[in-house]
C-alpha atoms as a PDB file:
ATOM      1  CA  MET A   1     -45.452  56.087 -51.061  1.00  0.00           C
ATOM      2  CA  THR A   2     -42.354  54.485 -50.849  1.00  0.00           C
ATOM      3  CA  THR A   3     -40.719  53.444 -47.465  1.00  0.00           C
ATOM      4  CA  ASN A   4     -36.970  52.770 -47.277  1.00  0.00           C
ATOM      5  CA  THR A   5     -36.283  49.514 -45.591  1.00  0.00           C
ATOM      6  CA  PRO A   6     -32.788  49.100 -43.667  1.00  0.00           C
ATOM      7  CA  ALA A   7     -30.527  47.005 -45.710  1.00  0.00           C
ATOM      8  CA  PRO A   8     -29.589  43.833 -43.314  1.00  0.00           C
ATOM      9  CA  ALA A   9     -26.456  44.156 -41.309  1.00  0.00           C
ATOM     10  CA  THR A  10     -23.866  42.197 -42.634  1.00  0.00           C
ATOM     11  CA  ARG A  11     -22.160  39.624 -40.193  1.00  0.00           C
ATOM     12  CA  ARG A  12     -18.375  40.855 -40.191  1.00  0.00           C
ATOM     13  CA  PRO A  13     -17.732  40.028 -37.062  1.00  0.00           C
ATOM     14  CA  ALA A  14     -18.389  36.283 -37.613  1.00  0.00           C
ATOM     15  CA  ALA A  15     -16.202  36.270 -40.555  1.00  0.00           C
ATOM     16  CA  SER A  16     -13.527  37.872 -38.642  1.00  0.00           C
ATOM     17  CA  ALA A  17     -13.681  35.717 -35.681  1.00  0.00           C
ATOM     18  CA  ALA A  18     -12.972  32.465 -37.791  1.00  0.00           C
ATOM     19  CA  PRO A  19      -9.371  33.257 -38.252  1.00  0.00           C
ATOM     20  CA  SER A  20      -9.140  34.163 -34.605  1.00  0.00           C
ATOM     21  CA  PHE A  21     -10.813  30.908 -33.516  1.00  0.00           C
ATOM     22  CA  ARG A  22      -8.388  28.787 -35.975  1.00  0.00           C
ATOM     23  CA  TRP A  23      -5.606  30.359 -34.208  1.00  0.00           C
ATOM     24  CA  SER A  24      -6.575  30.003 -30.531  1.00  0.00           C
ATOM     25  CA  MET A  25      -7.448  26.263 -31.444  1.00  0.00           C
ATOM     26  CA  ALA A  26      -4.140  25.624 -32.562  1.00  0.00           C
ATOM     27  CA  PHE A  27      -2.294  27.302 -29.728  1.00  0.00           C
ATOM     28  CA  ALA A  28      -4.808  25.251 -27.250  1.00  0.00           C
ATOM     29  CA  LEU A  29      -3.929  22.418 -28.926  1.00  0.00           C
ATOM     30  CA  LEU A  30      -0.143  23.022 -28.187  1.00  0.00           C
ATOM     31  CA  LEU A  31      -0.751  23.645 -24.774  1.00  0.00           C
ATOM     32  CA  GLY A  32      -2.553  20.631 -24.373  1.00  0.00           C
ATOM     33  CA  ILE A  33       0.231  18.196 -25.862  1.00  0.00           C
ATOM     34  CA  LEU A  34       2.547  20.159 -23.747  1.00  0.00           C
ATOM     35  CA  PHE A  35       0.716  19.235 -20.500  1.00  0.00           C
ATOM     36  CA  ALA A  36       0.234  15.774 -21.557  1.00  0.00           C
ATOM     37  CA  SER A  37       4.001  15.485 -21.772  1.00  0.00           C
ATOM     38  CA  LEU A  38       4.303  16.282 -18.092  1.00  0.00           C
ATOM     39  CA  LEU A  39       1.456  13.968 -17.048  1.00  0.00           C
ATOM     40  CA  ALA A  40       2.815  10.654 -18.685  1.00  0.00           C
ATOM     41  CA  GLY A  41       6.175   8.613 -18.314  1.00  0.00           C
ATOM     42  CA  ASP A  42       7.204   6.056 -15.953  1.00  0.00           C
ATOM     43  CA  LEU A  43       5.611   7.954 -12.884  1.00  0.00           C
ATOM     44  CA  LEU A  44       2.318   8.796 -14.047  1.00  0.00           C
ATOM     45  CA  LEU A  45       1.327  12.086 -12.514  1.00  0.00           C
ATOM     46  CA  SER A  46      -2.306  13.433 -12.063  1.00  0.00           C
ATOM     47  CA  PRO A  47      -3.065  16.979 -13.459  1.00  0.00           C
ATOM     48  CA  ALA A  48      -3.190  18.650  -9.874  1.00  0.00           C
ATOM     49  CA  GLU A  49       0.087  17.239  -8.997  1.00  0.00           C
ATOM     50  CA  VAL A  50       1.858  18.656 -12.294  1.00  0.00           C
ATOM     51  CA  TRP A  51      -0.173  22.120 -11.701  1.00  0.00           C
ATOM     52  CA  ALA A  52       1.359  21.731  -7.997  1.00  0.00           C
ATOM     53  CA  ALA A  53       5.159  21.317  -9.515  1.00  0.00           C
ATOM     54  CA  LEU A  54       4.658  24.152 -11.837  1.00  0.00           C
ATOM     55  CA  THR A  55       3.436  26.320  -8.988  1.00  0.00           C
ATOM     56  CA  GLY A  56       5.964  25.400  -6.310  1.00  0.00           C
ATOM     57  CA  ARG A  57       3.736  23.474  -4.308  1.00  0.00           C
ATOM     58  CA  ALA A  58       4.476  19.907  -4.845  1.00  0.00           C
ATOM     59  CA  ALA A  59       6.887  17.049  -3.239  1.00  0.00           C
ATOM     60  CA  ASP A  60      10.686  17.694  -3.969  1.00  0.00           C
ATOM     61  CA  PHE A  61      10.532  14.583  -6.299  1.00  0.00           C
ATOM     62  CA  THR A  62       7.635  15.226  -7.860  1.00  0.00           C
ATOM     63  CA  THR A  63       8.884  18.855  -8.862  1.00  0.00           C
ATOM     64  CA  THR A  64      12.065  17.424 -10.184  1.00  0.00           C
ATOM     65  CA  VAL A  65      10.246  14.889 -12.314  1.00  0.00           C
ATOM     66  CA  VAL A  66       8.213  17.743 -13.888  1.00  0.00           C
ATOM     67  CA  LEU A  67      10.575  20.846 -13.998  1.00  0.00           C
ATOM     68  CA  SER A  68      14.044  19.153 -14.523  1.00  0.00           C
ATOM     69  CA  TRP A  69      13.276  15.866 -16.316  1.00  0.00           C
ATOM     70  CA  ARG A  70       9.870  16.563 -18.353  1.00  0.00           C
ATOM     71  CA  LEU A  71       9.820  20.337 -18.786  1.00  0.00           C
ATOM     72  CA  PRO A  72      12.899  20.893 -20.623  1.00  0.00           C
ATOM     73  CA  ARG A  73      12.105  18.098 -23.311  1.00  0.00           C
ATOM     74  CA  ALA A  74       8.542  19.669 -23.637  1.00  0.00           C
ATOM     75  CA  VAL A  75      10.053  22.926 -24.331  1.00  0.00           C
ATOM     76  CA  ALA A  76      12.571  21.697 -26.774  1.00  0.00           C
ATOM     77  CA  GLY A  77      10.036  20.395 -28.940  1.00  0.00           C
ATOM     78  CA  VAL A  78       7.976  23.563 -29.287  1.00  0.00           C
ATOM     79  CA  ALA A  79      11.326  25.779 -29.728  1.00  0.00           C
ATOM     80  CA  PHE A  80      12.918  23.490 -32.203  1.00  0.00           C
ATOM     81  CA  GLY A  81       9.807  22.465 -34.273  1.00  0.00           C
ATOM     82  CA  ALA A  82       9.185  26.382 -34.135  1.00  0.00           C
ATOM     83  CA  ALA A  83      12.575  26.830 -35.872  1.00  0.00           C
ATOM     84  CA  LEU A  84      12.335  24.063 -38.264  1.00  0.00           C
ATOM     85  CA  GLY A  85       8.887  25.202 -39.322  1.00  0.00           C
ATOM     86  CA  THR A  86      10.166  28.856 -39.995  1.00  0.00           C
ATOM     87  CA  ALA A  87      13.091  27.439 -41.758  1.00  0.00           C
ATOM     88  CA  GLY A  88      10.856  25.332 -44.104  1.00  0.00           C
ATOM     89  CA  ALA A  89       8.565  28.579 -44.985  1.00  0.00           C
ATOM     90  CA  ILE A  90      11.399  30.643 -45.993  1.00  0.00           C
ATOM     91  CA  PHE A  91      12.878  28.131 -48.353  1.00  0.00           C
ATOM     92  CA  GLN A  92       9.593  27.033 -49.816  1.00  0.00           C
ATOM     93  CA  SER A  93       9.059  30.409 -50.227  1.00  0.00           C
ATOM     94  CA  LEU A  94      12.316  31.501 -51.594  1.00  0.00           C
ATOM     95  CA  THR A  95      12.514  28.404 -54.202  1.00  0.00           C
ATOM     96  CA  ARG A  96       9.011  28.521 -54.931  1.00  0.00           C
ATOM     97  CA  ASN A  97       8.542  25.006 -54.486  1.00  0.00           C
ATOM     98  CA  PRO A  98       6.497  22.848 -52.098  1.00  0.00           C
ATOM     99  CA  LEU A  99       9.557  20.433 -51.504  1.00  0.00           C
ATOM    100  CA  GLY A 100      12.171  23.263 -50.882  1.00  0.00           C
ATOM    101  CA  SER A 101      12.850  22.672 -47.251  1.00  0.00           C
ATOM    102  CA  PRO A 102      16.559  22.225 -45.460  1.00  0.00           C
ATOM    103  CA  ASP A 103      16.338  18.634 -45.044  1.00  0.00           C
ATOM    104  CA  VAL A 104      15.144  17.533 -48.729  1.00  0.00           C
ATOM    105  CA  ILE A 105      17.996  19.908 -50.008  1.00  0.00           C
ATOM    106  CA  GLY A 106      20.583  18.826 -47.856  1.00  0.00           C
ATOM    107  CA  PHE A 107      21.108  21.504 -45.215  1.00  0.00           C
ATOM    108  CA  ASN A 108      20.238  19.258 -42.078  1.00  0.00           C
ATOM    109  CA  THR A 109      22.973  16.685 -43.755  1.00  0.00           C
ATOM    110  CA  GLY A 110      25.428  19.144 -44.134  1.00  0.00           C
ATOM    111  CA  ALA A 111      24.826  20.534 -40.473  1.00  0.00           C
ATOM    112  CA  TYR A 112      25.200  16.625 -39.358  1.00  0.00           C
ATOM    113  CA  THR A 113      28.566  16.424 -41.380  1.00  0.00           C
ATOM    114  CA  GLY A 114      30.240  19.411 -39.320  1.00  0.00           C
ATOM    115  CA  VAL A 115      29.079  17.967 -36.002  1.00  0.00           C
ATOM    116  CA  LEU A 116      30.619  14.574 -36.648  1.00  0.00           C
ATOM    117  CA  VAL A 117      33.950  16.483 -37.816  1.00  0.00           C
ATOM    118  CA  VAL A 118      33.892  18.082 -34.199  1.00  0.00           C
ATOM    119  CA  LEU A 119      32.866  14.816 -32.501  1.00  0.00           C
ATOM    120  CA  LEU A 120      35.836  13.066 -33.802  1.00  0.00           C
ATOM    121  CA  ALA A 121      37.992  15.602 -32.910  1.00  0.00           C
ATOM    122  CA  VAL A 122      36.655  16.107 -29.380  1.00  0.00           C
ATOM    123  CA  PRO A 123      34.342  13.137 -28.753  1.00  0.00           C
ATOM    124  CA  ALA A 124      33.001  15.156 -25.415  1.00  0.00           C
ATOM    125  CA  ALA A 125      32.408  18.648 -27.124  1.00  0.00           C
ATOM    126  CA  GLY A 126      30.034  20.909 -25.894  1.00  0.00           C
ATOM    127  CA  PHE A 127      27.151  22.739 -27.544  1.00  0.00           C
ATOM    128  CA  LEU A 128      28.916  25.882 -28.642  1.00  0.00           C
ATOM    129  CA  PRO A 129      31.761  23.873 -30.836  1.00  0.00           C
ATOM    130  CA  LEU A 130      28.864  21.766 -32.007  1.00  0.00           C
ATOM    131  CA  ALA A 131      26.642  24.696 -32.803  1.00  0.00           C
ATOM    132  CA  ALA A 132      29.520  26.231 -34.728  1.00  0.00           C
ATOM    133  CA  ALA A 133      30.207  23.095 -36.528  1.00  0.00           C
ATOM    134  CA  SER A 134      26.669  22.559 -37.564  1.00  0.00           C
ATOM    135  CA  LEU A 135      26.217  26.038 -38.800  1.00  0.00           C
ATOM    136  CA  LEU A 136      29.498  26.105 -40.672  1.00  0.00           C
ATOM    137  CA  GLY A 137      28.240  22.497 -42.442  1.00  0.00           C
ATOM    138  CA  GLY A 138      24.781  23.996 -43.189  1.00  0.00           C
ATOM    139  CA  LEU A 139      26.092  27.319 -44.936  1.00  0.00           C
ATOM    140  CA  VAL A 140      29.042  25.249 -46.463  1.00  0.00           C
ATOM    141  CA  THR A 141      26.265  22.990 -48.293  1.00  0.00           C
ATOM    142  CA  THR A 142      24.030  26.059 -48.898  1.00  0.00           C
ATOM    143  CA  GLY A 143      27.059  27.805 -50.645  1.00  0.00           C
ATOM    144  CA  VAL A 144      27.746  24.549 -52.540  1.00  0.00           C
ATOM    145  CA  VAL A 145      24.188  24.171 -53.630  1.00  0.00           C
ATOM    146  CA  VAL A 146      23.892  27.943 -54.646  1.00  0.00           C
ATOM    147  CA  ALA A 147      27.174  27.872 -56.471  1.00  0.00           C
ATOM    148  CA  LEU A 148      26.007  24.931 -58.626  1.00  0.00           C
ATOM    149  CA  THR A 149      22.649  26.188 -59.284  1.00  0.00           C
ATOM    150  CA  ALA A 150      24.064  29.641 -60.061  1.00  0.00           C
ATOM    151  CA  ARG A 151      22.487  30.203 -63.489  1.00  0.00           C
ATOM    152  CA  SER A 152      19.140  28.562 -62.863  1.00  0.00           C
ATOM    153  CA  GLY A 153      18.687  30.462 -59.490  1.00  0.00           C
ATOM    154  CA  MET A 154      16.833  29.211 -56.612  1.00  0.00           C
ATOM    155  CA  ALA A 155      13.397  29.075 -58.089  1.00  0.00           C
ATOM    156  CA  GLY A 156      12.670  25.610 -59.930  1.00  0.00           C
ATOM    157  CA  ARG A 157      13.367  22.188 -60.061  1.00  0.00           C
ATOM    158  CA  THR A 158      17.293  22.483 -60.524  1.00  0.00           C
ATOM    159  CA  PHE A 159      17.925  23.925 -57.328  1.00  0.00           C
ATOM    160  CA  ILE A 160      16.129  20.894 -55.221  1.00  0.00           C
ATOM    161  CA  LEU A 161      17.585  18.268 -57.298  1.00  0.00           C
ATOM    162  CA  THR A 162      21.107  19.715 -56.854  1.00  0.00           C
ATOM    163  CA  GLY A 163      20.425  19.826 -53.017  1.00  0.00           C
ATOM    164  CA  ILE A 164      19.016  16.138 -53.385  1.00  0.00           C
ATOM    165  CA  ALA A 165      22.516  15.087 -54.998  1.00  0.00           C
ATOM    166  CA  VAL A 166      24.624  16.980 -52.589  1.00  0.00           C
ATOM    167  CA  SER A 167      22.451  15.276 -49.720  1.00  0.00           C
ATOM    168  CA  ALA A 168      23.283  11.798 -50.828  1.00  0.00           C
ATOM    169  CA  LEU A 169      27.056  12.489 -51.345  1.00  0.00           C
ATOM    170  CA  LEU A 170      27.126  14.113 -47.722  1.00  0.00           C
ATOM    171  CA  SER A 171      25.075  11.112 -46.223  1.00  0.00           C
ATOM    172  CA  SER A 172      27.745   8.821 -47.801  1.00  0.00           C
ATOM    173  CA  VAL A 173      30.751  10.997 -46.147  1.00  0.00           C
ATOM    174  CA  ASN A 174      28.455  10.775 -42.898  1.00  0.00           C
ATOM    175  CA  THR A 175      28.447   7.148 -43.002  1.00  0.00           C
ATOM    176  CA  TRP A 176      32.219   6.800 -43.680  1.00  0.00           C
ATOM    177  CA  LEU A 177      32.813   9.075 -40.875  1.00  0.00           C
ATOM    178  CA  VAL A 178      30.656   7.333 -38.046  1.00  0.00           C
ATOM    179  CA  TYR A 179      32.802   4.000 -39.177  1.00  0.00           C
ATOM    180  CA  LYS A 180      36.186   5.779 -39.158  1.00  0.00           C
ATOM    181  CA  THR A 181      35.585   7.011 -35.026  1.00  0.00           C
ATOM    182  CA  ASP A 182      35.676   4.672 -31.999  1.00  0.00           C
ATOM    183  CA  THR A 183      32.480   2.531 -31.099  1.00  0.00           C
ATOM    184  CA  ALA A 184      31.107   4.806 -28.347  1.00  0.00           C
ATOM    185  CA  THR A 185      31.356   8.101 -30.118  1.00  0.00           C
ATOM    186  CA  ALA A 186      29.702   6.281 -33.123  1.00  0.00           C
ATOM    187  CA  THR A 187      27.038   4.886 -31.151  1.00  0.00           C
ATOM    188  CA  ALA A 188      26.334   8.189 -29.653  1.00  0.00           C
ATOM    189  CA  GLY A 189      26.350   9.928 -32.947  1.00  0.00           C
ATOM    190  CA  SER A 190      24.315   7.082 -34.399  1.00  0.00           C
ATOM    191  CA  LEU A 191      21.624   7.783 -32.058  1.00  0.00           C
ATOM    192  CA  TRP A 192      21.758  11.337 -32.622  1.00  0.00           C
ATOM    193  CA  ALA A 193      21.558  11.338 -35.989  1.00  0.00           C
ATOM    194  CA  SER A 194      18.196   9.685 -35.657  1.00  0.00           C
ATOM    195  CA  GLY A 195      17.041  12.744 -34.208  1.00  0.00           C
ATOM    196  CA  THR A 196      16.007  12.565 -30.355  1.00  0.00           C
ATOM    197  CA  LEU A 197      14.966  14.857 -27.498  1.00  0.00           C
ATOM    198  CA  ASP A 198      15.629  12.245 -24.968  1.00  0.00           C
ATOM    199  CA  ASN A 199      17.528  12.996 -21.764  1.00  0.00           C
ATOM    200  CA  THR A 200      17.245  16.850 -22.726  1.00  0.00           C
ATOM    201  CA  ARG A 201      17.843  18.938 -19.749  1.00  0.00           C
ATOM    202  CA  TRP A 202      17.991  22.903 -18.865  1.00  0.00           C
ATOM    203  CA  VAL A 203      21.979  22.389 -19.100  1.00  0.00           C
ATOM    204  CA  ASN A 204      22.131  21.519 -22.769  1.00  0.00           C
ATOM    205  CA  LEU A 205      19.030  23.239 -23.943  1.00  0.00           C
ATOM    206  CA  SER A 206      19.591  26.794 -22.217  1.00  0.00           C
ATOM    207  CA  PRO A 207      22.312  27.911 -24.881  1.00  0.00           C
ATOM    208  CA  ALA A 208      20.249  26.590 -27.804  1.00  0.00           C
ATOM    209  CA  LEU A 209      17.260  28.646 -26.379  1.00  0.00           C
ATOM    210  CA  VAL A 210      19.390  31.798 -26.055  1.00  0.00           C
ATOM    211  CA  ALA A 211      20.906  31.131 -29.791  1.00  0.00           C
ATOM    212  CA  LEU A 212      17.359  30.685 -31.104  1.00  0.00           C
ATOM    213  CA  GLY A 213      15.813  33.758 -29.158  1.00  0.00           C
ATOM    214  CA  VAL A 214      18.931  35.829 -30.744  1.00  0.00           C
ATOM    215  CA  LEU A 215      17.820  34.862 -34.063  1.00  0.00           C
ATOM    216  CA  THR A 216      14.208  34.985 -33.836  1.00  0.00           C
ATOM    217  CA  ILE A 217      14.055  38.992 -34.332  1.00  0.00           C
ATOM    218  CA  PRO A 218      16.352  39.199 -37.510  1.00  0.00           C
ATOM    219  CA  VAL A 219      14.577  36.343 -39.192  1.00  0.00           C
ATOM    220  CA  VAL A 220      11.324  38.149 -38.220  1.00  0.00           C
ATOM    221  CA  VAL A 221      12.402  41.237 -39.721  1.00  0.00           C
ATOM    222  CA  ALA A 222      13.724  39.743 -42.799  1.00  0.00           C
ATOM    223  CA  ALA A 223      10.851  37.295 -43.192  1.00  0.00           C
ATOM    224  CA  THR A 224       8.682  40.335 -43.905  1.00  0.00           C
ATOM    225  CA  ARG A 225      10.416  40.890 -47.594  1.00  0.00           C
ATOM    226  CA  LEU A 226       8.911  37.221 -48.524  1.00  0.00           C
ATOM    227  CA  ARG A 227       6.026  38.321 -49.895  1.00  0.00           C
ATOM    228  CA  PHE A 228       7.845  41.016 -52.181  1.00  0.00           C
ATOM    229  CA  LEU A 229      10.396  38.203 -53.184  1.00  0.00           C
ATOM    230  CA  ALA A 230       7.437  36.071 -54.086  1.00  0.00           C
ATOM    231  CA  LEU A 231       6.535  38.895 -56.881  1.00  0.00           C
ATOM    232  CA  GLY A 232      10.063  38.306 -58.730  1.00  0.00           C
ATOM    233  CA  ASP A 233      13.163  39.932 -58.432  1.00  0.00           C
ATOM    234  CA  ASP A 234      12.135  43.043 -61.167  1.00  0.00           C
ATOM    235  CA  VAL A 235       8.948  44.029 -59.217  1.00  0.00           C
ATOM    236  CA  ALA A 236      10.592  43.350 -55.671  1.00  0.00           C
ATOM    237  CA  THR A 237      13.435  45.697 -56.823  1.00  0.00           C
ATOM    238  CA  ALA A 238      11.003  48.453 -57.673  1.00  0.00           C
ATOM    239  CA  LEU A 239       9.344  48.285 -54.638  1.00  0.00           C
ATOM    240  CA  GLY A 240      12.838  49.127 -52.736  1.00  0.00           C
ATOM    241  CA  VAL A 241      13.845  45.734 -51.741  1.00  0.00           C
ATOM    242  CA  ARG A 242      17.673  44.588 -51.889  1.00  0.00           C
ATOM    243  CA  VAL A 243      16.835  41.602 -53.582  1.00  0.00           C
ATOM    244  CA  ARG A 244      20.250  39.820 -52.912  1.00  0.00           C
ATOM    245  CA  THR A 245      20.622  41.027 -49.366  1.00  0.00           C
ATOM    246  CA  SER A 246      17.084  40.019 -48.469  1.00  0.00           C
ATOM    247  CA  ARG A 247      17.929  36.754 -50.000  1.00  0.00           C
ATOM    248  CA  PHE A 248      21.064  36.131 -48.169  1.00  0.00           C
ATOM    249  CA  ALA A 249      19.655  37.321 -45.052  1.00  0.00           C
ATOM    250  CA  LEU A 250      16.758  34.895 -45.233  1.00  0.00           C
ATOM    251  CA  ILE A 251      19.369  32.180 -46.302  1.00  0.00           C
ATOM    252  CA  VAL A 252      21.542  32.391 -43.537  1.00  0.00           C
ATOM    253  CA  GLY A 253      18.770  32.920 -40.865  1.00  0.00           C
ATOM    254  CA  ALA A 254      17.002  29.513 -41.879  1.00  0.00           C
ATOM    255  CA  VAL A 255      20.066  27.665 -42.368  1.00  0.00           C
ATOM    256  CA  ALA A 256      20.832  29.006 -38.623  1.00  0.00           C
ATOM    257  CA  LEU A 257      17.573  28.108 -37.118  1.00  0.00           C
ATOM    258  CA  THR A 258      18.010  24.482 -38.990  1.00  0.00           C
ATOM    259  CA  ALA A 259      21.770  24.253 -37.541  1.00  0.00           C
ATOM    260  CA  VAL A 260      21.095  25.153 -33.854  1.00  0.00           C
ATOM    261  CA  THR A 261      18.260  22.651 -33.553  1.00  0.00           C
ATOM    262  CA  THR A 262      20.670  19.790 -35.412  1.00  0.00           C
ATOM    263  CA  ALA A 263      23.297  20.570 -33.094  1.00  0.00           C
ATOM    264  CA  SER A 264      20.855  19.936 -29.946  1.00  0.00           C
ATOM    265  CA  ALA A 265      18.615  17.131 -31.120  1.00  0.00           C
ATOM    266  CA  GLY A 266      20.086  15.890 -34.558  1.00  0.00           C
ATOM    267  CA  PRO A 267      18.754  16.143 -37.978  1.00  0.00           C
ATOM    268  CA  ILE A 268      15.158  15.804 -37.365  1.00  0.00           C
ATOM    269  CA  MET A 269      13.528  15.244 -40.496  1.00  0.00           C
ATOM    270  CA  PHE A 270      10.006  16.172 -42.209  1.00  0.00           C
ATOM    271  CA  ILE A 271       9.169  19.144 -39.880  1.00  0.00           C
ATOM    272  CA  ALA A 272      10.323  21.678 -41.981  1.00  0.00           C
ATOM    273  CA  LEU A 273       8.852  20.302 -45.412  1.00  0.00           C
ATOM    274  CA  ALA A 274       5.272  19.474 -43.913  1.00  0.00           C
ATOM    275  CA  ALA A 275       5.109  22.403 -41.295  1.00  0.00           C
ATOM    276  CA  PRO A 276       4.387  25.061 -44.138  1.00  0.00           C
ATOM    277  CA  HIS A 277       1.863  22.720 -46.086  1.00  0.00           C
ATOM    278  CA  LEU A 278      -0.424  22.087 -42.959  1.00  0.00           C
ATOM    279  CA  ALA A 279      -0.066  25.730 -41.863  1.00  0.00           C
ATOM    280  CA  ARG A 280      -1.479  26.969 -45.292  1.00  0.00           C
ATOM    281  CA  ALA A 281      -4.352  24.332 -44.937  1.00  0.00           C
ATOM    282  CA  THR A 282      -5.326  25.008 -41.591  1.00  0.00           C
ATOM    283  CA  LEU A 283      -4.308  28.467 -40.535  1.00  0.00           C
ATOM    284  CA  PRO A 284      -5.043  32.007 -41.605  1.00  0.00           C
ATOM    285  CA  ARG A 285      -2.637  32.618 -44.235  1.00  0.00           C
ATOM    286  CA  SER A 286      -1.776  36.321 -43.164  1.00  0.00           C
ATOM    287  CA  HIS A 287       0.989  35.305 -41.541  1.00  0.00           C
ATOM    288  CA  PRO A 288       2.551  32.507 -43.256  1.00  0.00           C
ATOM    289  CA  VAL A 289       5.971  32.010 -41.221  1.00  0.00           C
ATOM    290  CA  VAL A 290       4.420  32.589 -37.858  1.00  0.00           C
ATOM    291  CA  ALA A 291       1.804  29.816 -39.117  1.00  0.00           C
ATOM    292  CA  ALA A 292       4.369  27.546 -39.918  1.00  0.00           C
ATOM    293  CA  ALA A 293       6.284  27.891 -36.706  1.00  0.00           C
ATOM    294  CA  LEU A 294       3.369  27.417 -34.635  1.00  0.00           C
ATOM    295  CA  THR A 295       2.624  23.935 -36.920  1.00  0.00           C
ATOM    296  CA  GLY A 296       5.889  22.756 -36.560  1.00  0.00           C
ATOM    297  CA  ALA A 297       5.669  23.242 -32.923  1.00  0.00           C
ATOM    298  CA  LEU A 298       2.816  21.131 -32.623  1.00  0.00           C
ATOM    299  CA  LEU A 299       3.867  18.465 -35.134  1.00  0.00           C
ATOM    300  CA  LEU A 300       7.266  17.885 -33.282  1.00  0.00           C
ATOM    301  CA  SER A 301       5.647  17.953 -29.647  1.00  0.00           C
ATOM    302  CA  GLY A 302       3.107  15.357 -30.726  1.00  0.00           C
ATOM    303  CA  ALA A 303       5.691  13.471 -32.495  1.00  0.00           C
ATOM    304  CA  ASP A 304       7.894  13.430 -29.482  1.00  0.00           C
ATOM    305  CA  TRP A 305       4.805  12.319 -27.454  1.00  0.00           C
ATOM    306  CA  ILE A 306       4.313   9.640 -29.595  1.00  0.00           C
ATOM    307  CA  ALA A 307       7.950   8.362 -29.310  1.00  0.00           C
ATOM    308  CA  ALA A 308       8.061   8.529 -25.847  1.00  0.00           C
ATOM    309  CA  HIS A 309       4.853   6.843 -24.762  1.00  0.00           C
ATOM    310  CA  ALA A 310       3.013   5.363 -27.589  1.00  0.00           C
ATOM    311  CA  PHE A 311       5.467   2.376 -27.191  1.00  0.00           C
ATOM    312  CA  ALA A 312       6.556   2.366 -23.674  1.00  0.00           C
ATOM    313  CA  PRO A 313       8.367   1.056 -22.116  1.00  0.00           C
ATOM    314  CA  THR A 314      10.670   1.471 -25.100  1.00  0.00           C
ATOM    315  CA  GLN A 315      11.453   4.967 -26.210  1.00  0.00           C
ATOM    316  CA  LEU A 316      11.794   5.984 -29.739  1.00  0.00           C
ATOM    317  CA  PRO A 317      14.017   8.563 -31.630  1.00  0.00           C
ATOM    318  CA  VAL A 318      11.486  11.474 -32.473  1.00  0.00           C
ATOM    319  CA  GLY A 319      13.365  11.441 -35.704  1.00  0.00           C
ATOM    320  CA  ALA A 320      11.842   7.879 -36.649  1.00  0.00           C
ATOM    321  CA  VAL A 321       8.452   9.246 -35.874  1.00  0.00           C
ATOM    322  CA  THR A 322       8.766  12.435 -38.129  1.00  0.00           C
ATOM    323  CA  VAL A 323      10.117  10.429 -40.804  1.00  0.00           C
ATOM    324  CA  THR A 324       7.333   7.925 -40.712  1.00  0.00           C
ATOM    325  CA  ILE A 325       4.690  10.483 -40.538  1.00  0.00           C
ATOM    326  CA  GLY A 326       7.066  12.790 -43.165  1.00  0.00           C
ATOM    327  CA  GLY A 327       6.891   9.819 -45.564  1.00  0.00           C
ATOM    328  CA  ALA A 328       3.379   9.163 -45.297  1.00  0.00           C
ATOM    329  CA  TYR A 329       2.532  12.912 -45.958  1.00  0.00           C
ATOM    330  CA  LEU A 330       5.160  13.364 -48.706  1.00  0.00           C
ATOM    331  CA  VAL A 331       3.509  10.221 -50.580  1.00  0.00           C
ATOM    332  CA  LEU A 332      -0.116  11.690 -50.184  1.00  0.00           C
ATOM    333  CA  MET A 333       1.120  14.991 -51.347  1.00  0.00           C
ATOM    334  CA  LEU A 334       2.372  13.559 -54.459  1.00  0.00           C
ATOM    335  CA  LEU A 335      -0.654  11.545 -54.826  1.00  0.00           C
ATOM    336  CA  ARG A 336      -2.712  14.539 -54.792  1.00  0.00           C
ATOM    337  CA  ARG A 337      -0.851  16.299 -57.351  1.00  0.00           C
ATOM    338  CA  ASP A 338      -0.677  13.524 -59.508  1.00  0.00           C
ATOM    339  CA  ARG A 339      -4.665  13.811 -59.309  1.00  0.00           C
ATOM    340  CA  ARG A 340      -4.890  17.417 -60.208  1.00  0.00           C
ATOM    341  CA  THR A 341      -2.348  17.213 -63.213  1.00  0.00           C
ATOM    342  CA  PRO A 342      -4.304  16.564 -66.228  1.00  0.00           C
ATOM    343  CA  SER A 343      -3.620  13.262 -68.147  1.00  0.00           C
ATOM    344  CA  PRO A 344      -2.166  13.711 -72.026  1.00  0.00           C
END
C-alpha cells in the first residue's frame, strides 16, 4: 500500500520579499540622510527639535533654520540626484555602454556653456533664462555629437569618444568665457561650475522642482520603451516601437533633466555615471530607471552631507566630493573590467 506524501511547500513569499526589502532599505537610508541633513550645521539640533519644526511646533528661529535654510538644500539633493540618475540610466541604455552618461559624453559641459553665455550678457539672470540657456546648450551639444556619429550610431565606442572630444573643446571655450567676464561674475561662475547646493533656498529651488515635475511624466513614459530598444532597432520596429521617435524623445528628456539640474546647481559630475551601475548591483532590475533615480538621490544627498559637514567649518562644493568619489569608482570599474578580460 502506497501513501501519497505531500510535497514540501515552497517559500515563494520569502523569495519575493527580498526585492521589497532592498527597496525599503534604500528608501530608509535616503530618509536617514535627509533627517541627518536637517540635524547638522552651525546650530546643532536634536531629533525632537527637527520634528517639532517640521510639524510647526518649534520656536520661530528653529523653524526658519530647518524649513527655510536646511530643508531646501536637502530636497535639492534628492531631486537633482534622481534627475541625474535617470538621465544616466537612459543614456547608458541607449548607447549600450557603461560610460554613456551626460557628464562623460559632454552634455553637462554644453549646458554650462549656455549658462556662461547668458551670464556674460545678463550677470544677474534668473532661473528661467539660465534653464533655457542650459537646455539649449545641452541640446546643441547633443546634436553635434549625434551628427558627427551619424554613420556609426549611438551604440559603440565612437559615440562616447566623440562626446569626450566635444566636451574637451567646450571646456576650453568655457575657460575662455570665464576669463572674458568681470571678476565678480567669473568668481560666481567658477564656484557654480564646481557644482554646489550651498545657499539653496525655496525661491530658486521651486522653479527647478516644477520643471523636473513636468518632465518626469513624459520621461517615465518614454523610458518604458528602453527594454524594446535594447533588443535592437529591427526587433523594436517589429514590436511596433517607433525607434527614431522614441530615441529622440528619450534623448531630449534626459538632456532636459540634466539641463535643469545644471542651471540650478552647476554641472555635478559622476552621479549620472555611477548611479545606474550601483543600482544594478544593489536594487532589483525590474525597474532600472526608478532604481537609478533612487540611487542618484542617495549618492547626491550623501555627497552633499559630506561636502557640508565632514570638513566643518569649511564647506566644499558638492561637485568636488562627487568627482572624488566618482573618479575612485571609475578606476575600480575599469580595474574590474581588466580582470574579467582574458589576457591574449
